Amino acid sequence: MDWNAIVFAVMLGLAVFVQTIVMIAVHIYLALKMPQEPDDERDRMLLDRASRLSSYVLQSGVFMVLVLMFAQAMIRNDHDSAIDMLPIYALLGVWVAAELVRYAMTISGYRTR
């Protein structure tokens, strides 16, 4: 059992390393091929406004997940692995919700210009 965990950790590390190398190569290639245009100030303001609102959603969601974790720790005595994963899934959901808010605000800002 321990050998399988070591092999899994090595393979995971190797996959992360290969993915990092590929992403660096792709970013270098795109930086060389894409023209360097200065950002428009209105675009920057629009993206800042959308990011600011999505950060409020993210902060509120993380706070609610922390409250959920404390309540879950105080109420439950048994440890069910499916319920123990709930805060992780909730954090992922909050992150996705914040990104959706950011994209929606960006799209609505461009549509009203």
N, C-alpha and C. Protein backbone atom coordinates (compact mmCIF):
# COMPACT_ATOMS: atom_id res chain seq x y z
N MET A 1 0.82 -1.20 0.00
CA MET A 1 0.00 0.00 0.00
C MET A 1 0.86 1.26 0.00
N ASP A 2 1.94 1.25 0.77
CA ASP A 2 2.81 2.42 0.80
C ASP A 2 3.51 2.64 -0.53
N TRP A 3 3.89 1.55 -1.19
CA TRP A 3 4.55 1.68 -2.48
C TRP A 3 3.63 2.33 -3.51
N ASN A 4 2.34 1.98 -3.49
CA ASN A 4 1.39 2.58 -4.42
C ASN A 4 1.25 4.07 -4.16
N ALA A 5 1.28 4.49 -2.91
CA ALA A 5 1.18 5.91 -2.59
C ALA A 5 2.41 6.66 -3.09
N ILE A 6 3.57 6.05 -2.97
CA ILE A 6 4.81 6.69 -3.45
C ILE A 6 4.79 6.81 -4.97
N VAL A 7 4.39 5.75 -5.64
CA VAL A 7 4.30 5.79 -7.09
C VAL A 7 3.30 6.84 -7.54
N PHE A 8 2.17 6.91 -6.86
CA PHE A 8 1.15 7.90 -7.19
C PHE A 8 1.69 9.32 -7.00
N ALA A 9 2.41 9.57 -5.91
CA ALA A 9 2.96 10.90 -5.65
C ALA A 9 3.99 11.28 -6.70
N VAL A 10 4.83 10.32 -7.09
CA VAL A 10 5.84 10.60 -8.12
C VAL A 10 5.18 10.87 -9.45
N MET A 11 4.19 10.09 -9.81
CA MET A 11 3.49 10.31 -11.09
C MET A 11 2.75 11.64 -11.09
N LEU A 12 2.14 11.98 -9.98
CA LEU A 12 1.45 13.27 -9.88
C LEU A 12 2.44 14.42 -10.01
N GLY A 13 3.58 14.31 -9.33
CA GLY A 13 4.62 15.34 -9.44
C GLY A 13 5.14 15.46 -10.86
N LEU A 14 5.33 14.32 -11.52
CA LEU A 14 5.78 14.34 -12.91
C LEU A 14 4.75 14.99 -13.83
N ALA A 15 3.48 14.70 -13.62
CA ALA A 15 2.42 15.30 -14.43
C ALA A 15 2.36 16.81 -14.22
N VAL A 16 2.50 17.25 -12.98
CA VAL A 16 2.48 18.68 -12.70
C VAL A 16 3.69 19.36 -13.35
N PHE A 17 4.85 18.72 -13.29
CA PHE A 17 6.06 19.27 -13.90
C PHE A 17 5.90 19.40 -15.42
N VAL A 18 5.39 18.36 -16.06
CA VAL A 18 5.20 18.39 -17.52
C VAL A 18 4.18 19.46 -17.90
N GLN A 19 3.10 19.55 -17.13
CA GLN A 19 2.09 20.56 -17.42
C GLN A 19 2.67 21.96 -17.25
N THR A 20 3.50 22.17 -16.25
CA THR A 20 4.13 23.48 -16.06
C THR A 20 5.02 23.84 -17.23
N ILE A 21 5.81 22.90 -17.70
CA ILE A 21 6.70 23.15 -18.84
C ILE A 21 5.88 23.47 -20.10
N VAL A 22 4.82 22.72 -20.33
CA VAL A 22 3.97 22.97 -21.51
C VAL A 22 3.32 24.35 -21.41
N MET A 23 2.82 24.71 -20.24
CA MET A 23 2.17 26.02 -20.09
C MET A 23 3.17 27.16 -20.29
N ILE A 24 4.39 27.02 -19.79
CA ILE A 24 5.40 28.05 -19.99
C ILE A 24 5.72 28.19 -21.47
N ALA A 25 5.87 27.07 -22.18
CA ALA A 25 6.16 27.11 -23.61
C ALA A 25 5.02 27.76 -24.39
N VAL A 26 3.78 27.43 -24.04
CA VAL A 26 2.63 28.02 -24.73
C VAL A 26 2.56 29.52 -24.47
N HIS A 27 2.81 29.94 -23.24
CA HIS A 27 2.77 31.37 -22.93
C HIS A 27 3.89 32.13 -23.66
N ILE A 28 5.06 31.54 -23.75
CA ILE A 28 6.14 32.19 -24.50
C ILE A 28 5.78 32.30 -25.97
N TYR A 29 5.24 31.23 -26.53
CA TYR A 29 4.84 31.24 -27.94
C TYR A 29 3.77 32.31 -28.20
N LEU A 30 2.75 32.36 -27.33
CA LEU A 30 1.69 33.35 -27.52
C LEU A 30 2.20 34.77 -27.32
N ALA A 31 3.14 34.98 -26.41
CA ALA A 31 3.70 36.31 -26.20
C ALA A 31 4.48 36.78 -27.41
N LEU A 32 5.14 35.86 -28.10
CA LEU A 32 5.88 36.24 -29.30
C LEU A 32 4.98 36.47 -30.50
N LYS A 33 3.87 35.73 -30.60
CA LYS A 33 3.00 35.82 -31.77
C LYS A 33 1.94 36.91 -31.66
N MET A 34 1.49 37.22 -30.47
CA MET A 34 0.41 38.19 -30.30
C MET A 34 0.96 39.61 -30.32
N PRO A 35 0.27 40.52 -30.97
CA PRO A 35 0.73 41.90 -30.98
C PRO A 35 0.55 42.53 -29.60
N GLN A 36 1.46 43.41 -29.25
CA GLN A 36 1.39 44.08 -27.96
C GLN A 36 0.65 45.41 -28.12
N GLU A 37 -0.62 45.40 -27.77
CA GLU A 37 -1.44 46.60 -27.86
C GLU A 37 -1.67 47.13 -26.46
N PRO A 38 -1.60 48.43 -26.29
CA PRO A 38 -1.86 48.98 -24.96
C PRO A 38 -3.35 48.83 -24.61
N ASP A 39 -3.62 48.60 -23.35
CA ASP A 39 -5.01 48.46 -22.90
C ASP A 39 -5.70 49.82 -22.91
N ASP A 40 -6.95 49.80 -23.30
CA ASP A 40 -7.76 50.99 -23.25
C ASP A 40 -8.14 51.27 -21.80
N GLU A 41 -8.16 52.54 -21.40
CA GLU A 41 -8.46 52.87 -20.02
C GLU A 41 -9.88 52.48 -19.64
N ARG A 42 -10.81 52.58 -20.57
CA ARG A 42 -12.19 52.17 -20.28
C ARG A 42 -12.27 50.66 -20.03
N ASP A 43 -11.51 49.88 -20.81
CA ASP A 43 -11.47 48.44 -20.59
C ASP A 43 -10.91 48.11 -19.22
N ARG A 44 -9.86 48.80 -18.85
CA ARG A 44 -9.26 48.57 -17.54
C ARG A 44 -10.23 48.91 -16.42
N MET A 45 -10.94 50.03 -16.55
CA MET A 45 -11.92 50.41 -15.53
C MET A 45 -13.05 49.38 -15.45
N LEU A 46 -13.51 48.91 -16.59
CA LEU A 46 -14.57 47.92 -16.62
C LEU A 46 -14.14 46.61 -15.95
N LEU A 47 -12.93 46.16 -16.26
CA LEU A 47 -12.43 44.93 -15.65
C LEU A 47 -12.17 45.10 -14.16
N ASP A 48 -11.72 46.28 -13.75
CA ASP A 48 -11.52 46.54 -12.32
C ASP A 48 -12.84 46.52 -11.56
N ARG A 49 -13.87 47.10 -12.15
CA ARG A 49 -15.19 47.12 -11.51
C ARG A 49 -15.75 45.70 -11.39
N ALA A 50 -15.61 44.92 -12.44
CA ALA A 50 -16.10 43.54 -12.41
C ALA A 50 -15.31 42.71 -11.40
N SER A 51 -14.00 42.90 -11.33
CA SER A 51 -13.18 42.15 -10.37
C SER A 51 -13.49 42.56 -8.94
N ARG A 52 -13.77 43.83 -8.73
CA ARG A 52 -14.10 44.30 -7.38
C ARG A 52 -15.40 43.66 -6.89
N LEU A 53 -16.41 43.62 -7.73
CA LEU A 53 -17.68 43.01 -7.33
C LEU A 53 -17.52 41.50 -7.11
N SER A 54 -16.77 40.85 -7.97
CA SER A 54 -16.59 39.41 -7.79
C SER A 54 -15.76 39.11 -6.55
N SER A 55 -14.87 40.02 -6.16
CA SER A 55 -14.10 39.79 -4.93
C SER A 55 -15.00 39.86 -3.71
N TYR A 56 -16.03 40.71 -3.74
CA TYR A 56 -17.00 40.74 -2.63
C TYR A 56 -17.76 39.42 -2.54
N VAL A 57 -18.14 38.88 -3.69
CA VAL A 57 -18.82 37.59 -3.71
C VAL A 57 -17.90 36.51 -3.15
N LEU A 58 -16.65 36.52 -3.56
CA LEU A 58 -15.69 35.52 -3.09
C LEU A 58 -15.44 35.64 -1.59
N GLN A 59 -15.25 36.86 -1.10
CA GLN A 59 -15.00 37.06 0.33
C GLN A 59 -16.20 36.65 1.17
N SER A 60 -17.39 37.00 0.72
CA SER A 60 -18.60 36.62 1.46
C SER A 60 -18.78 35.10 1.46
N GLY A 61 -18.54 34.48 0.33
CA GLY A 61 -18.67 33.03 0.25
C GLY A 61 -17.66 32.30 1.11
N VAL A 62 -16.41 32.77 1.13
CA VAL A 62 -15.39 32.14 1.97
C VAL A 62 -15.76 32.30 3.45
N PHE A 63 -16.26 33.46 3.82
CA PHE A 63 -16.70 33.66 5.21
C PHE A 63 -17.82 32.69 5.57
N MET A 64 -18.79 32.53 4.66
CA MET A 64 -19.89 31.61 4.93
C MET A 64 -19.40 30.16 5.03
N VAL A 65 -18.42 29.79 4.21
CA VAL A 65 -17.87 28.44 4.29
C VAL A 65 -17.12 28.25 5.61
N LEU A 66 -16.41 29.26 6.08
CA LEU A 66 -15.74 29.16 7.37
C LEU A 66 -16.75 28.98 8.50
N VAL A 67 -17.86 29.71 8.45
CA VAL A 67 -18.92 29.54 9.45
C VAL A 67 -19.48 28.12 9.36
N LEU A 68 -19.68 27.63 8.14
CA LEU A 68 -20.15 26.26 7.94
C LEU A 68 -19.19 25.25 8.54
N MET A 69 -17.89 25.47 8.36
CA MET A 69 -16.90 24.54 8.90
C MET A 69 -16.92 24.53 10.43
N PHE A 70 -17.03 25.70 11.04
CA PHE A 70 -17.09 25.75 12.51
C PHE A 70 -18.37 25.10 13.02
N ALA A 71 -19.48 25.38 12.36
CA ALA A 71 -20.75 24.76 12.77
C ALA A 71 -20.69 23.25 12.60
N GLN A 72 -20.12 22.80 11.50
CA GLN A 72 -20.00 21.37 11.24
C GLN A 72 -19.11 20.70 12.30
N ALA A 73 -18.04 21.37 12.70
CA ALA A 73 -17.14 20.80 13.71
C ALA A 73 -17.80 20.76 15.08
N MET A 74 -18.65 21.73 15.38
CA MET A 74 -19.29 21.77 16.70
C MET A 74 -20.46 20.80 16.79
N ILE A 75 -21.17 20.58 15.70
CA ILE A 75 -22.37 19.75 15.73
C ILE A 75 -22.05 18.27 15.62
N ARG A 76 -21.15 17.90 14.73
CA ARG A 76 -20.93 16.49 14.40
C ARG A 76 -19.85 15.87 15.28
N ASN A 77 -20.08 14.64 15.66
CA ASN A 77 -19.08 13.86 16.37
C ASN A 77 -18.52 12.75 15.51
N ASP A 78 -19.35 12.16 14.64
CA ASP A 78 -18.86 11.11 13.76
C ASP A 78 -18.21 11.74 12.54
N HIS A 79 -17.36 11.01 11.89
CA HIS A 79 -16.65 11.54 10.73
C HIS A 79 -17.04 10.75 9.50
N ASP A 80 -17.88 11.35 8.70
CA ASP A 80 -18.27 10.78 7.42
C ASP A 80 -17.47 11.49 6.34
N SER A 81 -16.74 10.76 5.54
CA SER A 81 -15.83 11.38 4.58
C SER A 81 -16.58 12.21 3.53
N ALA A 82 -17.81 11.82 3.19
CA ALA A 82 -18.57 12.59 2.20
C ALA A 82 -18.96 13.95 2.78
N ILE A 83 -19.36 13.99 4.04
CA ILE A 83 -19.73 15.25 4.67
C ILE A 83 -18.49 16.09 4.96
N ASP A 84 -17.37 15.45 5.26
CA ASP A 84 -16.14 16.19 5.53
C ASP A 84 -15.64 16.93 4.30
N MET A 85 -15.99 16.46 3.12
CA MET A 85 -15.58 17.12 1.88
C MET A 85 -16.47 18.29 1.50
N LEU A 86 -17.57 18.48 2.20
CA LEU A 86 -18.52 19.54 1.88
C LEU A 86 -17.87 20.93 1.85
N PRO A 87 -17.04 21.32 2.82
CA PRO A 87 -16.42 22.65 2.72
C PRO A 87 -15.55 22.83 1.48
N ILE A 88 -14.88 21.78 1.05
CA ILE A 88 -14.05 21.89 -0.15
C ILE A 88 -14.93 22.12 -1.37
N TYR A 89 -16.01 21.36 -1.47
CA TYR A 89 -16.93 21.56 -2.59
C TYR A 89 -17.59 22.93 -2.53
N ALA A 90 -17.90 23.39 -1.31
CA ALA A 90 -18.49 24.71 -1.16
C ALA A 90 -17.51 25.80 -1.57
N LEU A 91 -16.24 25.65 -1.22
CA LEU A 91 -15.23 26.64 -1.64
C LEU A 91 -15.08 26.66 -3.16
N LEU A 92 -15.08 25.48 -3.77
CA LEU A 92 -15.02 25.44 -5.24
C LEU A 92 -16.24 26.10 -5.86
N GLY A 93 -17.41 25.87 -5.26
CA GLY A 93 -18.63 26.51 -5.76
C GLY A 93 -18.59 28.02 -5.61
N VAL A 94 -18.06 28.50 -4.51
CA VAL A 94 -17.93 29.94 -4.29
C VAL A 94 -16.98 30.54 -5.31
N TRP A 95 -15.88 29.84 -5.58
CA TRP A 95 -14.92 30.35 -6.55
C TRP A 95 -15.54 30.41 -7.95
N VAL A 96 -16.29 29.39 -8.32
CA VAL A 96 -16.96 29.38 -9.62
C VAL A 96 -18.00 30.49 -9.69
N ALA A 97 -18.75 30.69 -8.60
CA ALA A 97 -19.76 31.75 -8.57
C ALA A 97 -19.11 33.13 -8.72
N ALA A 98 -17.97 33.34 -8.06
CA ALA A 98 -17.28 34.63 -8.18
C ALA A 98 -16.79 34.86 -9.61
N GLU A 99 -16.27 33.81 -10.24
CA GLU A 99 -15.83 33.95 -11.63
C GLU A 99 -17.01 34.22 -12.57
N LEU A 100 -18.13 33.56 -12.32
CA LEU A 100 -19.31 33.81 -13.15
C LEU A 100 -19.80 35.25 -12.98
N VAL A 101 -19.75 35.77 -11.77
CA VAL A 101 -20.14 37.17 -11.53
C VAL A 101 -19.18 38.09 -12.27
N ARG A 102 -17.89 37.79 -12.22
CA ARG A 102 -16.92 38.64 -12.91
C ARG A 102 -17.16 38.63 -14.42
N TYR A 103 -17.40 37.45 -14.99
CA TYR A 103 -17.66 37.38 -16.42
C TYR A 103 -18.97 38.08 -16.79
N ALA A 104 -20.00 37.89 -15.97
CA ALA A 104 -21.29 38.53 -16.25
C ALA A 104 -21.18 40.04 -16.18
N MET A 105 -20.45 40.56 -15.19
CA MET A 105 -20.29 42.01 -15.08
C MET A 105 -19.46 42.57 -16.23
N THR A 106 -18.47 41.83 -16.67
CA THR A 106 -17.66 42.26 -17.82
C THR A 106 -18.52 42.30 -19.08
N ILE A 107 -19.29 41.25 -19.30
CA ILE A 107 -20.14 41.20 -20.49
C ILE A 107 -21.19 42.29 -20.45
N SER A 108 -21.82 42.48 -19.30
CA SER A 108 -22.86 43.51 -19.21
C SER A 108 -22.25 44.91 -19.35
N GLY A 109 -21.04 45.11 -18.87
CA GLY A 109 -20.38 46.40 -19.04
C GLY A 109 -20.07 46.70 -20.49
N TYR A 110 -19.65 45.69 -21.25
CA TYR A 110 -19.38 45.90 -22.66
C TYR A 110 -20.66 46.11 -23.46
N ARG A 111 -21.73 45.47 -23.04
CA ARG A 111 -23.00 45.60 -23.76
C ARG A 111 -23.63 46.97 -23.56
N THR A 112 -23.36 47.61 -22.43
CA THR A 112 -23.97 48.91 -22.16
C THR A 112 -23.13 50.07 -22.66
N ARG A 113 -21.93 49.78 -23.17
CA ARG A 113 -21.09 50.88 -23.65
C ARG A 113 -21.54 51.41 -24.96
